Amino acid sequence: MSLLPTARGPRRGATRRRQPRRGKPLPGGAGLDRWLDRLVDIAVIVALLVGGVALLLTLLLPFSRG
């Protein structure tokens, strides 16, 4: 059994996923759903950044009063 592909037939393997359609708006408010997903992503990233800065300030400020 060879690991190299042969020219005997179509390639077999993982199922290929359909590419999302571009250009046409999707029915049923799917465009709104995409914007809401993006808004949630941005909100989570901002919350993580604010939490990280707050943690750093909490850890570093006691040493700066020294």
PDB file of N, CA and C in Angstrom:
ATOM      1  N   MET A   1       0.844  -1.182   0.000  1.00  0.00           N
ATOM      2  CA  MET A   1       0.000   0.000   0.000  1.00  0.00           C
ATOM      3  C   MET A   1       0.886   1.241   0.000  1.00  0.00           C
ATOM      4  N   SER A   2       0.664   2.091  -0.973  1.00  0.00           N
ATOM      5  CA  SER A   2       1.475   3.290  -1.120  1.00  0.00           C
ATOM      6  C   SER A   2       0.813   4.471  -0.412  1.00  0.00           C
ATOM      7  N   LEU A   3       1.635   5.323   0.171  1.00  0.00           N
ATOM      8  CA  LEU A   3       1.109   6.516   0.819  1.00  0.00           C
ATOM      9  C   LEU A   3       0.974   7.681  -0.150  1.00  0.00           C
ATOM     10  N   LEU A   4       1.527   7.544  -1.331  1.00  0.00           N
ATOM     11  CA  LEU A   4       1.449   8.605  -2.326  1.00  0.00           C
ATOM     12  C   LEU A   4       0.137   8.504  -3.097  1.00  0.00           C
ATOM     13  N   PRO A   5      -0.477   9.648  -3.455  1.00  0.00           N
ATOM     14  CA  PRO A   5      -1.733   9.588  -4.214  1.00  0.00           C
ATOM     15  C   PRO A   5      -1.488   9.043  -5.614  1.00  0.00           C
ATOM     16  N   THR A   6      -2.470   8.340  -6.111  1.00  0.00           N
ATOM     17  CA  THR A   6      -2.364   7.791  -7.460  1.00  0.00           C
ATOM     18  C   THR A   6      -3.352   8.501  -8.366  1.00  0.00           C
ATOM     19  N   ALA A   7      -3.209   8.322  -9.655  1.00  0.00           N
ATOM     20  CA  ALA A   7      -4.076   8.974 -10.626  1.00  0.00           C
ATOM     21  C   ALA A   7      -5.260   8.082 -10.993  1.00  0.00           C
ATOM     22  N   ARG A   8      -5.544   7.057 -10.198  1.00  0.00           N
ATOM     23  CA  ARG A   8      -6.608   6.115 -10.533  1.00  0.00           C
ATOM     24  C   ARG A   8      -8.018   6.636 -10.260  1.00  0.00           C
ATOM     25  N   GLY A   9      -8.145   7.548  -9.325  1.00  0.00           N
ATOM     26  CA  GLY A   9      -9.498   7.981  -9.000  1.00  0.00           C
ATOM     27  C   GLY A   9      -9.490   9.272  -8.208  1.00  0.00           C
ATOM     28  N   PRO A  10     -10.664   9.696  -7.789  1.00  0.00           N
ATOM     29  CA  PRO A  10     -10.726  10.933  -7.004  1.00  0.00           C
ATOM     30  C   PRO A  10     -10.088  10.744  -5.633  1.00  0.00           C
ATOM     31  N   ARG A  11      -9.653  11.829  -5.105  1.00  0.00           N
ATOM     32  CA  ARG A  11      -9.021  11.799  -3.793  1.00  0.00           C
ATOM     33  C   ARG A  11     -10.038  11.461  -2.721  1.00  0.00           C
ATOM     34  N   ARG A  12      -9.661  10.655  -1.771  1.00  0.00           N
ATOM     35  CA  ARG A  12     -10.536  10.333  -0.654  1.00  0.00           C
ATOM     36  C   ARG A  12      -9.962  10.946   0.603  1.00  0.00           C
ATOM     37  N   GLY A  13     -10.815  11.184   1.561  1.00  0.00           N
ATOM     38  CA  GLY A  13     -10.310  11.740   2.802  1.00  0.00           C
ATOM     39  C   GLY A  13     -11.393  12.490   3.535  1.00  0.00           C
ATOM     40  N   ALA A  14     -10.982  13.554   4.205  1.00  0.00           N
ATOM     41  CA  ALA A  14     -11.907  14.320   5.033  1.00  0.00           C
ATOM     42  C   ALA A  14     -12.988  14.956   4.159  1.00  0.00           C
ATOM     43  N   THR A  15     -14.155  15.070   4.720  1.00  0.00           N
ATOM     44  CA  THR A  15     -15.261  15.695   4.009  1.00  0.00           C
ATOM     45  C   THR A  15     -14.963  17.172   3.822  1.00  0.00           C
ATOM     46  N   ARG A  16     -15.147  17.629   2.621  1.00  0.00           N
ATOM     47  CA  ARG A  16     -14.905  19.049   2.348  1.00  0.00           C
ATOM     48  C   ARG A  16     -16.136  19.850   2.725  1.00  0.00           C
ATOM     49  N   ARG A  17     -15.919  20.933   3.406  1.00  0.00           N
ATOM     50  CA  ARG A  17     -17.022  21.787   3.819  1.00  0.00           C
ATOM     51  C   ARG A  17     -17.321  22.801   2.732  1.00  0.00           C
ATOM     52  N   ARG A  18     -18.587  23.158   2.642  1.00  0.00           N
ATOM     53  CA  ARG A  18     -18.961  24.171   1.648  1.00  0.00           C
ATOM     54  C   ARG A  18     -18.432  25.524   2.073  1.00  0.00           C
ATOM     55  N   GLN A  19     -18.000  26.297   1.115  1.00  0.00           N
ATOM     56  CA  GLN A  19     -17.535  27.647   1.386  1.00  0.00           C
ATOM     57  C   GLN A  19     -18.747  28.552   1.572  1.00  0.00           C
ATOM     58  N   PRO A  20     -18.681  29.503   2.506  1.00  0.00           N
ATOM     59  CA  PRO A  20     -19.828  30.401   2.670  1.00  0.00           C
ATOM     60  C   PRO A  20     -20.035  31.262   1.434  1.00  0.00           C
ATOM     61  N   ARG A  21     -21.302  31.525   1.144  1.00  0.00           N
ATOM     62  CA  ARG A  21     -21.616  32.355  -0.020  1.00  0.00           C
ATOM     63  C   ARG A  21     -21.280  33.806   0.269  1.00  0.00           C
ATOM     64  N   ARG A  22     -20.765  34.490  -0.727  1.00  0.00           N
ATOM     65  CA  ARG A  22     -20.434  35.900  -0.573  1.00  0.00           C
ATOM     66  C   ARG A  22     -21.270  36.707  -1.559  1.00  0.00           C
ATOM     67  N   GLY A  23     -21.560  37.928  -1.171  1.00  0.00           N
ATOM     68  CA  GLY A  23     -22.274  38.807  -2.079  1.00  0.00           C
ATOM     69  C   GLY A  23     -23.750  38.905  -1.774  1.00  0.00           C
ATOM     70  N   LYS A  24     -24.442  37.783  -1.672  1.00  0.00           N
ATOM     71  CA  LYS A  24     -25.869  37.811  -1.408  1.00  0.00           C
ATOM     72  C   LYS A  24     -26.130  37.827   0.089  1.00  0.00           C
ATOM     73  N   PRO A  25     -27.062  38.640   0.553  1.00  0.00           N
ATOM     74  CA  PRO A  25     -27.407  38.584   1.974  1.00  0.00           C
ATOM     75  C   PRO A  25     -28.124  37.278   2.289  1.00  0.00           C
ATOM     76  N   LEU A  26     -27.830  36.719   3.431  1.00  0.00           N
ATOM     77  CA  LEU A  26     -28.445  35.457   3.809  1.00  0.00           C
ATOM     78  C   LEU A  26     -29.835  35.701   4.371  1.00  0.00           C
ATOM     79  N   PRO A  27     -30.786  34.823   4.069  1.00  0.00           N
ATOM     80  CA  PRO A  27     -32.158  35.029   4.532  1.00  0.00           C
ATOM     81  C   PRO A  27     -32.300  34.762   6.026  1.00  0.00           C
ATOM     82  N   GLY A  28     -33.353  35.329   6.606  1.00  0.00           N
ATOM     83  CA  GLY A  28     -33.670  35.032   7.990  1.00  0.00           C
ATOM     84  C   GLY A  28     -32.826  35.766   9.008  1.00  0.00           C
ATOM     85  N   GLY A  29     -32.224  36.865   8.662  1.00  0.00           N
ATOM     86  CA  GLY A  29     -31.455  37.630   9.630  1.00  0.00           C
ATOM     87  C   GLY A  29     -30.090  37.046   9.939  1.00  0.00           C
ATOM     88  N   ALA A  30     -29.546  36.227   9.058  1.00  0.00           N
ATOM     89  CA  ALA A  30     -28.227  35.638   9.305  1.00  0.00           C
ATOM     90  C   ALA A  30     -27.142  36.706   9.289  1.00  0.00           C
ATOM     91  N   GLY A  31     -27.357  37.777   8.537  1.00  0.00           N
ATOM     92  CA  GLY A  31     -26.397  38.880   8.541  1.00  0.00           C
ATOM     93  C   GLY A  31     -26.346  39.552   9.899  1.00  0.00           C
ATOM     94  N   LEU A  32     -27.510  39.720  10.509  1.00  0.00           N
ATOM     95  CA  LEU A  32     -27.572  40.292  11.851  1.00  0.00           C
ATOM     96  C   LEU A  32     -26.891  39.366  12.847  1.00  0.00           C
ATOM     97  N   ASP A  33     -27.083  38.075  12.675  1.00  0.00           N
ATOM     98  CA  ASP A  33     -26.454  37.099  13.565  1.00  0.00           C
ATOM     99  C   ASP A  33     -24.931  37.179  13.468  1.00  0.00           C
ATOM    100  N   ARG A  34     -24.428  37.371  12.259  1.00  0.00           N
ATOM    101  CA  ARG A  34     -22.982  37.507  12.069  1.00  0.00           C
ATOM    102  C   ARG A  34     -22.447  38.745  12.776  1.00  0.00           C
ATOM    103  N   TRP A  35     -23.198  39.864  12.709  1.00  0.00           N
ATOM    104  CA  TRP A  35     -22.772  41.089  13.390  1.00  0.00           C
ATOM    105  C   TRP A  35     -22.830  40.932  14.900  1.00  0.00           C
ATOM    106  N   LEU A  36     -23.842  40.231  15.394  1.00  0.00           N
ATOM    107  CA  LEU A  36     -23.920  39.990  16.834  1.00  0.00           C
ATOM    108  C   LEU A  36     -22.759  39.124  17.312  1.00  0.00           C
ATOM    109  N   ASP A  37     -22.402  38.119  16.522  1.00  0.00           N
ATOM    110  CA  ASP A  37     -21.241  37.289  16.874  1.00  0.00           C
ATOM    111  C   ASP A  37     -19.974  38.133  16.938  1.00  0.00           C
ATOM    112  N   ARG A  38     -19.806  39.015  15.979  1.00  0.00           N
ATOM    113  CA  ARG A  38     -18.625  39.883  15.954  1.00  0.00           C
ATOM    114  C   ARG A  38     -18.628  40.828  17.154  1.00  0.00           C
ATOM    115  N   LEU A  39     -19.804  41.356  17.513  1.00  0.00           N
ATOM    116  CA  LEU A  39     -19.922  42.248  18.660  1.00  0.00           C
ATOM    117  C   LEU A  39     -19.573  41.520  19.958  1.00  0.00           C
ATOM    118  N   VAL A  40     -20.026  40.283  20.089  1.00  0.00           N
ATOM    119  CA  VAL A  40     -19.697  39.493  21.285  1.00  0.00           C
ATOM    120  C   VAL A  40     -18.196  39.212  21.331  1.00  0.00           C
ATOM    121  N   ASP A  41     -17.597  38.902  20.189  1.00  0.00           N
ATOM    122  CA  ASP A  41     -16.145  38.680  20.141  1.00  0.00           C
ATOM    123  C   ASP A  41     -15.387  39.908  20.628  1.00  0.00           C
ATOM    124  N   ILE A  42     -15.789  41.077  20.149  1.00  0.00           N
ATOM    125  CA  ILE A  42     -15.116  42.316  20.548  1.00  0.00           C
ATOM    126  C   ILE A  42     -15.308  42.573  22.037  1.00  0.00           C
ATOM    127  N   ALA A  43     -16.517  42.329  22.538  1.00  0.00           N
ATOM    128  CA  ALA A  43     -16.779  42.560  23.960  1.00  0.00           C
ATOM    129  C   ALA A  43     -15.941  41.634  24.836  1.00  0.00           C
ATOM    130  N   VAL A  44     -15.787  40.388  24.425  1.00  0.00           N
ATOM    131  CA  VAL A  44     -14.981  39.440  25.204  1.00  0.00           C
ATOM    132  C   VAL A  44     -13.514  39.851  25.191  1.00  0.00           C
ATOM    133  N   ILE A  45     -13.008  40.276  24.053  1.00  0.00           N
ATOM    134  CA  ILE A  45     -11.603  40.690  23.956  1.00  0.00           C
ATOM    135  C   ILE A  45     -11.354  41.923  24.828  1.00  0.00           C
ATOM    136  N   VAL A  46     -12.280  42.891  24.789  1.00  0.00           N
ATOM    137  CA  VAL A  46     -12.127  44.090  25.620  1.00  0.00           C
ATOM    138  C   VAL A  46     -12.167  43.718  27.100  1.00  0.00           C
ATOM    139  N   ALA A  47     -13.076  42.820  27.486  1.00  0.00           N
ATOM    140  CA  ALA A  47     -13.162  42.402  28.885  1.00  0.00           C
ATOM    141  C   ALA A  47     -11.884  41.703  29.334  1.00  0.00           C
ATOM    142  N   LEU A  48     -11.307  40.877  28.476  1.00  0.00           N
ATOM    143  CA  LEU A  48     -10.050  40.211  28.826  1.00  0.00           C
ATOM    144  C   LEU A  48      -8.914  41.219  28.975  1.00  0.00           C
ATOM    145  N   LEU A  49      -8.862  42.197  28.093  1.00  0.00           N
ATOM    146  CA  LEU A  49      -7.813  43.214  28.190  1.00  0.00           C
ATOM    147  C   LEU A  49      -7.958  44.046  29.467  1.00  0.00           C
ATOM    148  N   VAL A  50      -9.190  44.458  29.782  1.00  0.00           N
ATOM    149  CA  VAL A  50      -9.415  45.249  30.987  1.00  0.00           C
ATOM    150  C   VAL A  50      -9.074  44.430  32.225  1.00  0.00           C
ATOM    151  N   GLY A  51      -9.461  43.170  32.247  1.00  0.00           N
ATOM    152  CA  GLY A  51      -9.134  42.304  33.375  1.00  0.00           C
ATOM    153  C   GLY A  51      -7.641  42.094  33.521  1.00  0.00           C
ATOM    154  N   GLY A  52      -6.942  41.928  32.403  1.00  0.00           N
ATOM    155  CA  GLY A  52      -5.489  41.761  32.453  1.00  0.00           C
ATOM    156  C   GLY A  52      -4.778  42.995  32.970  1.00  0.00           C
ATOM    157  N   VAL A  53      -5.224  44.170  32.513  1.00  0.00           N
ATOM    158  CA  VAL A  53      -4.621  45.415  32.992  1.00  0.00           C
ATOM    159  C   VAL A  53      -4.907  45.600  34.479  1.00  0.00           C
ATOM    160  N   ALA A  54      -6.124  45.293  34.906  1.00  0.00           N
ATOM    161  CA  ALA A  54      -6.463  45.416  36.326  1.00  0.00           C
ATOM    162  C   ALA A  54      -5.619  44.465  37.173  1.00  0.00           C
ATOM    163  N   LEU A  55      -5.399  43.258  36.694  1.00  0.00           N
ATOM    164  CA  LEU A  55      -4.565  42.306  37.426  1.00  0.00           C
ATOM    165  C   LEU A  55      -3.128  42.803  37.522  1.00  0.00           C
ATOM    166  N   LEU A  56      -2.592  43.305  36.421  1.00  0.00           N
ATOM    167  CA  LEU A  56      -1.221  43.821  36.451  1.00  0.00           C
ATOM    168  C   LEU A  56      -1.087  45.004  37.404  1.00  0.00           C
ATOM    169  N   LEU A  57      -2.067  45.908  37.365  1.00  0.00           N
ATOM    170  CA  LEU A  57      -2.009  47.053  38.265  1.00  0.00           C
ATOM    171  C   LEU A  57      -2.116  46.608  39.722  1.00  0.00           C
ATOM    172  N   THR A  58      -2.957  45.624  39.988  1.00  0.00           N
ATOM    173  CA  THR A  58      -3.104  45.124  41.355  1.00  0.00           C
ATOM    174  C   THR A  58      -1.814  44.481  41.844  1.00  0.00           C
ATOM    175  N   LEU A  59      -1.131  43.793  40.963  1.00  0.00           N
ATOM    176  CA  LEU A  59       0.101  43.112  41.371  1.00  0.00           C
ATOM    177  C   LEU A  59       1.288  44.062  41.452  1.00  0.00           C
ATOM    178  N   LEU A  60       1.305  45.096  40.628  1.00  0.00           N
ATOM    179  CA  LEU A  60       2.471  45.981  40.569  1.00  0.00           C
ATOM    180  C   LEU A  60       2.384  47.195  41.483  1.00  0.00           C
ATOM    181  N   LEU A  61       1.186  47.684  41.772  1.00  0.00           N
ATOM    182  CA  LEU A  61       1.068  48.898  42.585  1.00  0.00           C
ATOM    183  C   LEU A  61       1.578  48.745  44.016  1.00  0.00           C
ATOM    184  N   PRO A  62       1.379  47.631  44.697  1.00  0.00           N
ATOM    185  CA  PRO A  62       1.935  47.542  46.065  1.00  0.00           C
ATOM    186  C   PRO A  62       3.447  47.669  46.115  1.00  0.00           C
ATOM    187  N   PHE A  63       4.138  47.276  45.069  1.00  0.00           N
ATOM    188  CA  PHE A  63       5.601  47.351  45.057  1.00  0.00           C
ATOM    189  C   PHE A  63       6.085  48.758  44.711  1.00  0.00           C
ATOM    190  N   SER A  64       5.268  49.554  44.053  1.00  0.00           N
ATOM    191  CA  SER A  64       5.713  50.894  43.667  1.00  0.00           C
ATOM    192  C   SER A  64       5.587  51.895  44.811  1.00  0.00           C
ATOM    193  N   ARG A  65       4.853  51.579  45.866  1.00  0.00           N
ATOM    194  CA  ARG A  65       4.691  52.504  46.991  1.00  0.00           C
ATOM    195  C   ARG A  65       5.880  52.437  47.947  1.00  0.00           C
ATOM    196  N   GLY A  66       6.673  51.427  47.828  1.00  0.00           N
ATOM    197  CA  GLY A  66       7.732  51.062  48.621  1.00  0.00           C
ATOM    198  C   GLY A  66       8.636  51.816  49.379  1.00  0.00           C
TER     199      GLY A  66
END
